[in-house]
Amino acid sequence: MGTQALWLTNQEKVEVESIIDSNPSMKYESLVFMAKKEDGSVIMIDRRDIILDEEQVLIDELADILYSSKTPVHNERYSIIMKQFIFKGVPYVKRLWDRKPQQQTLELFDAG
């Protein structure tokens, strides 16, 4: 069984079967993933359009660090996760932004 992932464009779960033109020692550095859709068809997905389930776990961890710590860069996991995302080309920014807590805004009313 391959690695489970989210195909971002279609918001669809897929199973990554292999990585095209990849060095086996560098598992996720390829630019294209071959994945099987739920209907059984096989598609090619660009690296910028897929998040592996294991990467989503790291995005969640990074969000917790960023949004609950006053100095996230001092957390040792922060730098480890960020290096991994940058090195592997993980499209994490939008998913991280979606995890940002909503801020409360104060509405000012004119008493005049």
Protein backbone atom coordinates (compact mmCIF):
# COMPACT_ATOMS: atom_id res chain seq x y z
CA MET A 1 0.00 0.00 0.00
CA GLY A 2 1.30 3.46 -0.90
CA THR A 3 1.31 6.67 1.05
CA GLN A 4 -2.00 8.50 1.46
CA ALA A 5 -2.13 12.12 0.33
CA LEU A 6 -4.45 15.01 -0.46
CA TRP A 7 -4.63 16.21 -4.06
CA LEU A 8 -5.08 19.93 -3.40
CA THR A 9 -6.70 20.98 -6.69
CA ASN A 10 -9.56 18.51 -6.36
CA GLN A 11 -9.55 18.26 -2.55
CA GLU A 12 -9.47 14.50 -3.07
CA LYS A 13 -7.68 11.75 -1.17
CA VAL A 14 -5.29 9.72 -3.33
CA GLU A 15 -2.78 6.94 -2.77
CA VAL A 16 0.74 7.81 -3.91
CA GLU A 17 2.07 4.79 -5.77
CA SER A 18 5.46 6.06 -6.87
CA ILE A 19 7.55 9.09 -7.51
CA ILE A 20 8.69 9.76 -11.06
CA ASP A 21 12.42 10.31 -11.75
CA SER A 22 13.35 10.07 -8.10
CA ASN A 23 16.47 8.86 -6.36
CA PRO A 24 15.35 6.10 -3.92
CA SER A 25 17.42 7.60 -1.10
CA MET A 26 15.58 10.92 -1.49
CA LYS A 27 12.03 9.65 -1.25
CA TYR A 28 9.98 12.83 -1.80
CA GLU A 29 12.22 15.12 -3.82
CA SER A 30 10.57 14.39 -7.15
CA LEU A 31 8.51 16.97 -8.92
CA VAL A 32 5.78 14.51 -9.95
CA PHE A 33 3.87 11.84 -8.03
CA MET A 34 1.99 8.96 -9.62
CA ALA A 35 -1.18 8.47 -7.61
CA LYS A 36 -4.27 6.31 -7.68
CA LYS A 37 -7.64 7.99 -7.28
CA GLU A 38 -10.50 6.37 -5.37
CA ASP A 39 -12.08 5.26 -8.67
CA GLY A 40 -8.89 3.30 -9.46
CA SER A 41 -7.57 5.58 -12.21
CA VAL A 42 -3.92 6.61 -12.08
CA ILE A 43 -2.89 10.24 -12.44
CA MET A 44 0.28 12.31 -12.32
CA ILE A 45 0.26 15.08 -9.70
CA ASP A 46 2.75 17.92 -9.50
CA ARG A 47 4.59 18.30 -6.17
CA ARG A 48 3.07 21.74 -5.64
CA ASP A 49 -0.41 20.18 -5.75
CA ILE A 50 -0.14 17.38 -3.19
CA ILE A 51 0.31 17.03 0.56
CA LEU A 52 1.18 13.65 2.01
CA ASP A 53 -0.68 12.65 5.18
CA GLU A 54 2.60 12.60 7.11
CA GLU A 55 3.23 16.20 5.98
CA GLN A 56 -0.24 17.28 7.14
CA VAL A 57 0.66 16.04 10.63
CA LEU A 58 3.76 18.27 10.53
CA ILE A 59 1.70 21.23 9.29
CA ASP A 60 -0.61 20.77 12.27
CA GLU A 61 2.38 20.62 14.62
CA LEU A 62 3.89 23.74 13.05
CA ALA A 63 0.58 25.59 13.38
CA ASP A 64 0.45 24.71 17.08
CA ILE A 65 3.99 26.04 17.53
CA LEU A 66 3.38 29.24 15.57
CA TYR A 67 -0.01 30.13 16.99
CA SER A 68 0.55 29.22 20.62
CA SER A 69 4.11 30.40 21.25
CA LYS A 70 5.37 33.95 21.69
CA THR A 71 8.76 32.97 20.25
CA PRO A 72 8.21 30.03 17.87
CA VAL A 73 11.70 30.24 16.36
CA HIS A 74 13.13 29.18 19.71
CA ASN A 75 11.22 25.89 19.54
CA GLU A 76 13.61 23.19 18.25
CA ARG A 77 10.84 21.48 16.23
CA TYR A 78 10.10 24.73 14.36
CA SER A 79 13.43 24.76 12.54
CA ILE A 80 13.37 21.01 11.88
CA ILE A 81 9.91 21.18 10.31
CA MET A 82 10.64 24.32 8.28
CA LYS A 83 13.86 22.87 6.85
CA GLN A 84 12.03 19.71 5.87
CA PHE A 85 9.21 21.65 4.16
CA ILE A 86 11.61 23.87 2.25
CA PHE A 87 13.94 21.03 1.27
CA LYS A 88 11.08 18.81 0.05
CA GLY A 89 9.05 21.58 -1.59
CA VAL A 90 5.98 20.93 0.54
CA PRO A 91 3.12 23.33 -0.33
CA TYR A 92 2.41 24.13 3.32
CA VAL A 93 1.66 27.87 3.33
CA LYS A 94 -2.07 27.84 2.52
CA ARG A 95 -2.75 24.87 4.81
CA LEU A 96 -0.87 26.65 7.62
CA TRP A 97 -2.77 29.89 6.98
CA ASP A 98 -6.07 27.96 7.15
CA ARG A 99 -5.12 26.81 10.67
CA LYS A 100 -4.57 30.38 11.90
CA PRO A 101 -7.03 31.20 14.68
CA GLN A 102 -9.58 33.90 13.95
CA GLN A 103 -8.77 37.11 15.76
CA GLN A 104 -11.43 38.93 17.66
CA THR A 105 -12.00 42.46 16.41
CA LEU A 106 -13.51 45.23 18.43
CA GLU A 107 -16.17 47.24 16.72
CA LEU A 108 -16.28 50.87 17.62
CA PHE A 109 -19.66 52.52 17.57
CA ASP A 110 -20.16 56.21 17.08
CA ALA A 111 -21.91 57.51 20.18
CA GLY A 112 -22.60 60.82 18.49
